[in-house]
Amino acid sequence: MALEYLYTHWKSIFLASGFTDDVAQEEYQTWCEGLGGDLDNEFQQNEFSVRSAAKEAVNELKEYS
């Protein structure tokens, strides 16, 4: 997957928010699947977009926890 190298940014947001690596991995996989496997969509992602998506995911998880 084209987004493998961006996982470290995602993981750092989750760990800083008190979530485990397992939760970060599961949520990252869900987010990647949501991109639909469209390579154009995957290659448009960058550090900023991944960090923003991770922050949004963390906020949603905290809301429902």
PDB file of N, CA and C in Angstrom:
ATOM      1  N   MET A   1       0.842  -1.183   0.000  1.00  0.00           N
ATOM      2  CA  MET A   1       0.000   0.000   0.000  1.00  0.00           C
ATOM      3  C   MET A   1       0.882   1.238   0.000  1.00  0.00           C
ATOM      4  N   ALA A   2       0.480   2.224  -0.709  1.00  0.00           N
ATOM      5  CA  ALA A   2       1.259   3.449  -0.859  1.00  0.00           C
ATOM      6  C   ALA A   2       1.383   4.235   0.438  1.00  0.00           C
ATOM      7  N   LEU A   3       0.517   3.978   1.390  1.00  0.00           N
ATOM      8  CA  LEU A   3       0.484   4.784   2.612  1.00  0.00           C
ATOM      9  C   LEU A   3       1.278   4.202   3.776  1.00  0.00           C
ATOM     10  N   GLU A   4       1.982   3.123   3.555  1.00  0.00           N
ATOM     11  CA  GLU A   4       2.726   2.475   4.647  1.00  0.00           C
ATOM     12  C   GLU A   4       3.685   3.443   5.333  1.00  0.00           C
ATOM     13  N   TYR A   5       4.372   4.254   4.551  1.00  0.00           N
ATOM     14  CA  TYR A   5       5.392   5.139   5.118  1.00  0.00           C
ATOM     15  C   TYR A   5       4.801   6.255   5.971  1.00  0.00           C
ATOM     16  N   LEU A   6       3.514   6.511   5.854  1.00  0.00           N
ATOM     17  CA  LEU A   6       2.868   7.567   6.633  1.00  0.00           C
ATOM     18  C   LEU A   6       2.336   7.080   7.981  1.00  0.00           C
ATOM     19  N   TYR A   7       2.389   5.778   8.203  1.00  0.00           N
ATOM     20  CA  TYR A   7       1.834   5.225   9.442  1.00  0.00           C
ATOM     21  C   TYR A   7       2.512   5.804  10.679  1.00  0.00           C
ATOM     22  N   THR A   8       3.800   6.097  10.628  1.00  0.00           N
ATOM     23  CA  THR A   8       4.504   6.620  11.805  1.00  0.00           C
ATOM     24  C   THR A   8       3.874   7.921  12.301  1.00  0.00           C
ATOM     25  N   HIS A   9       3.388   8.740  11.387  1.00  0.00           N
ATOM     26  CA  HIS A   9       2.736   9.995  11.774  1.00  0.00           C
ATOM     27  C   HIS A   9       1.400   9.709  12.459  1.00  0.00           C
ATOM     28  N   TRP A  10       0.655   8.776  11.900  1.00  0.00           N
ATOM     29  CA  TRP A  10      -0.629   8.362  12.474  1.00  0.00           C
ATOM     30  C   TRP A  10      -0.408   7.809  13.879  1.00  0.00           C
ATOM     31  N   LYS A  11       0.555   6.901  13.980  1.00  0.00           N
ATOM     32  CA  LYS A  11       0.838   6.237  15.249  1.00  0.00           C
ATOM     33  C   LYS A  11       1.229   7.246  16.326  1.00  0.00           C
ATOM     34  N   SER A  12       2.019   8.231  15.985  1.00  0.00           N
ATOM     35  CA  SER A  12       2.462   9.211  16.978  1.00  0.00           C
ATOM     36  C   SER A  12       1.288   9.979  17.578  1.00  0.00           C
ATOM     37  N   ILE A  13       0.286  10.294  16.767  1.00  0.00           N
ATOM     38  CA  ILE A  13      -0.909  10.991  17.260  1.00  0.00           C
ATOM     39  C   ILE A  13      -1.672  10.093  18.235  1.00  0.00           C
ATOM     40  N   PHE A  14      -1.827   8.830  17.877  1.00  0.00           N
ATOM     41  CA  PHE A  14      -2.562   7.897  18.729  1.00  0.00           C
ATOM     42  C   PHE A  14      -1.840   7.638  20.047  1.00  0.00           C
ATOM     43  N   LEU A  15      -0.537   7.422  19.984  1.00  0.00           N
ATOM     44  CA  LEU A  15       0.217   7.152  21.213  1.00  0.00           C
ATOM     45  C   LEU A  15       0.219   8.371  22.126  1.00  0.00           C
ATOM     46  N   ALA A  16       0.353   9.557  21.568  1.00  0.00           N
ATOM     47  CA  ALA A  16       0.331  10.784  22.371  1.00  0.00           C
ATOM     48  C   ALA A  16      -1.026  11.002  23.031  1.00  0.00           C
ATOM     49  N   SER A  17      -2.060  10.405  22.453  1.00  0.00           N
ATOM     50  CA  SER A  17      -3.415  10.547  22.999  1.00  0.00           C
ATOM     51  C   SER A  17      -3.779   9.417  23.957  1.00  0.00           C
ATOM     52  N   GLY A  18      -2.828   8.534  24.230  1.00  0.00           N
ATOM     53  CA  GLY A  18      -3.059   7.477  25.205  1.00  0.00           C
ATOM     54  C   GLY A  18      -3.594   6.178  24.648  1.00  0.00           C
ATOM     55  N   PHE A  19      -3.652   6.043  23.343  1.00  0.00           N
ATOM     56  CA  PHE A  19      -4.124   4.802  22.733  1.00  0.00           C
ATOM     57  C   PHE A  19      -2.943   3.874  22.469  1.00  0.00           C
ATOM     58  N   THR A  20      -3.216   2.593  22.363  1.00  0.00           N
ATOM     59  CA  THR A  20      -2.158   1.612  22.118  1.00  0.00           C
ATOM     60  C   THR A  20      -1.845   1.522  20.628  1.00  0.00           C
ATOM     61  N   ASP A  21      -0.726   0.885  20.350  1.00  0.00           N
ATOM     62  CA  ASP A  21      -0.326   0.660  18.955  1.00  0.00           C
ATOM     63  C   ASP A  21      -1.355  -0.202  18.233  1.00  0.00           C
ATOM     64  N   ASP A  22      -1.946  -1.159  18.937  1.00  0.00           N
ATOM     65  CA  ASP A  22      -2.963  -2.023  18.324  1.00  0.00           C
ATOM     66  C   ASP A  22      -4.163  -1.214  17.836  1.00  0.00           C
ATOM     67  N   VAL A  23      -4.600  -0.280  18.670  1.00  0.00           N
ATOM     68  CA  VAL A  23      -5.733   0.571  18.286  1.00  0.00           C
ATOM     69  C   VAL A  23      -5.341   1.444  17.102  1.00  0.00           C
ATOM     70  N   ALA A  24      -4.147   1.988  17.140  1.00  0.00           N
ATOM     71  CA  ALA A  24      -3.668   2.831  16.041  1.00  0.00           C
ATOM     72  C   ALA A  24      -3.644   2.043  14.734  1.00  0.00           C
ATOM     73  N   GLN A  25      -3.131   0.827  14.781  1.00  0.00           N
ATOM     74  CA  GLN A  25      -3.057  -0.003  13.573  1.00  0.00           C
ATOM     75  C   GLN A  25      -4.446  -0.306  13.023  1.00  0.00           C
ATOM     76  N   GLU A  26      -5.348  -0.673  13.909  1.00  0.00           N
ATOM     77  CA  GLU A  26      -6.708  -1.012  13.474  1.00  0.00           C
ATOM     78  C   GLU A  26      -7.399   0.195  12.842  1.00  0.00           C
ATOM     79  N   GLU A  27      -7.266   1.342  13.486  1.00  0.00           N
ATOM     80  CA  GLU A  27      -7.904   2.552  12.963  1.00  0.00           C
ATOM     81  C   GLU A  27      -7.252   3.011  11.662  1.00  0.00           C
ATOM     82  N   TYR A  28      -5.935   2.837  11.543  1.00  0.00           N
ATOM     83  CA  TYR A  28      -5.234   3.211  10.315  1.00  0.00           C
ATOM     84  C   TYR A  28      -5.696   2.340   9.152  1.00  0.00           C
ATOM     85  N   GLN A  29      -5.833   1.055   9.431  1.00  0.00           N
ATOM     86  CA  GLN A  29      -6.309   0.134   8.386  1.00  0.00           C
ATOM     87  C   GLN A  29      -7.716   0.519   7.936  1.00  0.00           C
ATOM     88  N   THR A  30      -8.564   0.859   8.893  1.00  0.00           N
ATOM     89  CA  THR A  30      -9.930   1.277   8.561  1.00  0.00           C
ATOM     90  C   THR A  30      -9.912   2.543   7.716  1.00  0.00           C
ATOM     91  N   TRP A  31      -9.065   3.488   8.099  1.00  0.00           N
ATOM     92  CA  TRP A  31      -8.963   4.741   7.339  1.00  0.00           C
ATOM     93  C   TRP A  31      -8.460   4.474   5.920  1.00  0.00           C
ATOM     94  N   CYS A  32      -7.447   3.642   5.791  1.00  0.00           N
ATOM     95  CA  CYS A  32      -6.899   3.314   4.469  1.00  0.00           C
ATOM     96  C   CYS A  32      -7.942   2.632   3.593  1.00  0.00           C
ATOM     97  N   GLU A  33      -8.716   1.734   4.188  1.00  0.00           N
ATOM     98  CA  GLU A  33      -9.774   1.060   3.436  1.00  0.00           C
ATOM     99  C   GLU A  33     -10.817   2.065   2.951  1.00  0.00           C
ATOM    100  N   GLY A  34     -11.033   3.097   3.727  1.00  0.00           N
ATOM    101  CA  GLY A  34     -11.989   4.138   3.361  1.00  0.00           C
ATOM    102  C   GLY A  34     -11.563   4.942   2.152  1.00  0.00           C
ATOM    103  N   LEU A  35     -10.279   4.877   1.823  1.00  0.00           N
ATOM    104  CA  LEU A  35      -9.799   5.567   0.620  1.00  0.00           C
ATOM    105  C   LEU A  35     -10.198   4.810  -0.639  1.00  0.00           C
ATOM    106  N   GLY A  36     -10.679   3.602  -0.455  1.00  0.00           N
ATOM    107  CA  GLY A  36     -11.212   2.827  -1.563  1.00  0.00           C
ATOM    108  C   GLY A  36     -10.174   2.185  -2.456  1.00  0.00           C
ATOM    109  N   GLY A  37      -8.911   2.200  -2.048  1.00  0.00           N
ATOM    110  CA  GLY A  37      -7.880   1.581  -2.860  1.00  0.00           C
ATOM    111  C   GLY A  37      -7.562   2.352  -4.128  1.00  0.00           C
ATOM    112  N   ASP A  38      -8.114   3.538  -4.247  1.00  0.00           N
ATOM    113  CA  ASP A  38      -7.861   4.371  -5.414  1.00  0.00           C
ATOM    114  C   ASP A  38      -6.453   4.945  -5.301  1.00  0.00           C
ATOM    115  N   LEU A  39      -5.561   4.530  -6.188  1.00  0.00           N
ATOM    116  CA  LEU A  39      -4.164   4.956  -6.085  1.00  0.00           C
ATOM    117  C   LEU A  39      -4.015   6.467  -6.159  1.00  0.00           C
ATOM    118  N   ASP A  40      -4.812   7.133  -6.964  1.00  0.00           N
ATOM    119  CA  ASP A  40      -4.730   8.591  -7.013  1.00  0.00           C
ATOM    120  C   ASP A  40      -5.042   9.182  -5.641  1.00  0.00           C
ATOM    121  N   ASN A  41      -6.047   8.639  -4.990  1.00  0.00           N
ATOM    122  CA  ASN A  41      -6.414   9.112  -3.664  1.00  0.00           C
ATOM    123  C   ASN A  41      -5.301   8.807  -2.663  1.00  0.00           C
ATOM    124  N   GLU A  42      -4.722   7.612  -2.744  1.00  0.00           N
ATOM    125  CA  GLU A  42      -3.652   7.243  -1.831  1.00  0.00           C
ATOM    126  C   GLU A  42      -2.436   8.142  -2.012  1.00  0.00           C
ATOM    127  N   PHE A  43      -2.062   8.410  -3.241  1.00  0.00           N
ATOM    128  CA  PHE A  43      -0.864   9.204  -3.491  1.00  0.00           C
ATOM    129  C   PHE A  43      -1.068  10.688  -3.229  1.00  0.00           C
ATOM    130  N   GLN A  44      -2.288  11.114  -3.047  1.00  0.00           N
ATOM    131  CA  GLN A  44      -2.558  12.509  -2.696  1.00  0.00           C
ATOM    132  C   GLN A  44      -2.394  12.743  -1.196  1.00  0.00           C
ATOM    133  N   GLN A  45      -2.270  11.687  -0.438  1.00  0.00           N
ATOM    134  CA  GLN A  45      -2.123  11.827   1.006  1.00  0.00           C
ATOM    135  C   GLN A  45      -0.692  12.246   1.329  1.00  0.00           C
ATOM    136  N   ASN A  46      -0.554  13.033   2.377  1.00  0.00           N
ATOM    137  CA  ASN A  46       0.761  13.463   2.827  1.00  0.00           C
ATOM    138  C   ASN A  46       0.763  13.499   4.353  1.00  0.00           C
ATOM    139  N   GLU A  47       1.867  13.915   4.932  1.00  0.00           N
ATOM    140  CA  GLU A  47       1.978  13.932   6.392  1.00  0.00           C
ATOM    141  C   GLU A  47       0.854  14.746   7.027  1.00  0.00           C
ATOM    142  N   PHE A  48       0.561  15.906   6.475  1.00  0.00           N
ATOM    143  CA  PHE A  48      -0.480  16.763   7.037  1.00  0.00           C
ATOM    144  C   PHE A  48      -1.851  16.100   6.986  1.00  0.00           C
ATOM    145  N   SER A  49      -2.198  15.513   5.841  1.00  0.00           N
ATOM    146  CA  SER A  49      -3.530  14.908   5.717  1.00  0.00           C
ATOM    147  C   SER A  49      -3.667  13.692   6.630  1.00  0.00           C
ATOM    148  N   VAL A  50      -2.585  12.934   6.786  1.00  0.00           N
ATOM    149  CA  VAL A  50      -2.633  11.766   7.671  1.00  0.00           C
ATOM    150  C   VAL A  50      -2.736  12.201   9.124  1.00  0.00           C
ATOM    151  N   ARG A  51      -1.966  13.203   9.516  1.00  0.00           N
ATOM    152  CA  ARG A  51      -2.041  13.702  10.896  1.00  0.00           C
ATOM    153  C   ARG A  51      -3.437  14.266  11.187  1.00  0.00           C
ATOM    154  N   SER A  52      -4.005  14.977  10.235  1.00  0.00           N
ATOM    155  CA  SER A  52      -5.351  15.535  10.413  1.00  0.00           C
ATOM    156  C   SER A  52      -6.387  14.429  10.566  1.00  0.00           C
ATOM    157  N   ALA A  53      -6.283  13.404   9.734  1.00  0.00           N
ATOM    158  CA  ALA A  53      -7.218  12.280   9.820  1.00  0.00           C
ATOM    159  C   ALA A  53      -7.039  11.540  11.146  1.00  0.00           C
ATOM    160  N   ALA A  54      -5.813  11.403  11.606  1.00  0.00           N
ATOM    161  CA  ALA A  54      -5.557  10.724  12.880  1.00  0.00           C
ATOM    162  C   ALA A  54      -6.158  11.511  14.037  1.00  0.00           C
ATOM    163  N   LYS A  55      -5.998  12.822  14.019  1.00  0.00           N
ATOM    164  CA  LYS A  55      -6.579  13.655  15.084  1.00  0.00           C
ATOM    165  C   LYS A  55      -8.100  13.538  15.094  1.00  0.00           C
ATOM    166  N   GLU A  56      -8.686  13.516  13.918  1.00  0.00           N
ATOM    167  CA  GLU A  56     -10.136  13.359  13.817  1.00  0.00           C
ATOM    168  C   GLU A  56     -10.571  11.996  14.356  1.00  0.00           C
ATOM    169  N   ALA A  57      -9.829  10.954  14.008  1.00  0.00           N
ATOM    170  CA  ALA A  57     -10.146   9.606  14.495  1.00  0.00           C
ATOM    171  C   ALA A  57     -10.015   9.524  16.001  1.00  0.00           C
ATOM    172  N   VAL A  58      -8.979  10.130  16.557  1.00  0.00           N
ATOM    173  CA  VAL A  58      -8.785  10.139  18.012  1.00  0.00           C
ATOM    174  C   VAL A  58      -9.954  10.849  18.682  1.00  0.00           C
ATOM    175  N   ASN A  59     -10.353  11.990  18.151  1.00  0.00           N
ATOM    176  CA  ASN A  59     -11.481  12.720  18.726  1.00  0.00           C
ATOM    177  C   ASN A  59     -12.757  11.889  18.703  1.00  0.00           C
ATOM    178  N   GLU A  60     -12.984  11.186  17.613  1.00  0.00           N
ATOM    179  CA  GLU A  60     -14.175  10.337  17.523  1.00  0.00           C
ATOM    180  C   GLU A  60     -14.109   9.196  18.525  1.00  0.00           C
ATOM    181  N   LEU A  61     -12.942   8.582  18.668  1.00  0.00           N
ATOM    182  CA  LEU A  61     -12.803   7.488  19.634  1.00  0.00           C
ATOM    183  C   LEU A  61     -13.022   7.981  21.061  1.00  0.00           C
ATOM    184  N   LYS A  62     -12.512   9.131  21.376  1.00  0.00           N
ATOM    185  CA  LYS A  62     -12.683   9.703  22.731  1.00  0.00           C
ATOM    186  C   LYS A  62     -14.143  10.044  22.986  1.00  0.00           C
ATOM    187  N   GLU A  63     -14.824  10.483  21.940  1.00  0.00           N
ATOM    188  CA  GLU A  63     -16.240  10.831  22.053  1.00  0.00           C
ATOM    189  C   GLU A  63     -17.081   9.611  22.401  1.00  0.00           C
ATOM    190  N   TYR A  64     -16.713   8.462  21.842  1.00  0.00           N
ATOM    191  CA  TYR A  64     -17.503   7.245  22.029  1.00  0.00           C
ATOM    192  C   TYR A  64     -16.964   6.341  23.117  1.00  0.00           C
ATOM    193  N   SER A  65     -15.910   6.767  23.779  1.00  0.00           N
ATOM    194  CA  SER A  65     -15.327   5.928  24.849  1.00  0.00           C
ATOM    195  C   SER A  65     -15.977   6.226  26.179  1.00  0.00           C
TER     196      SER A  65
END
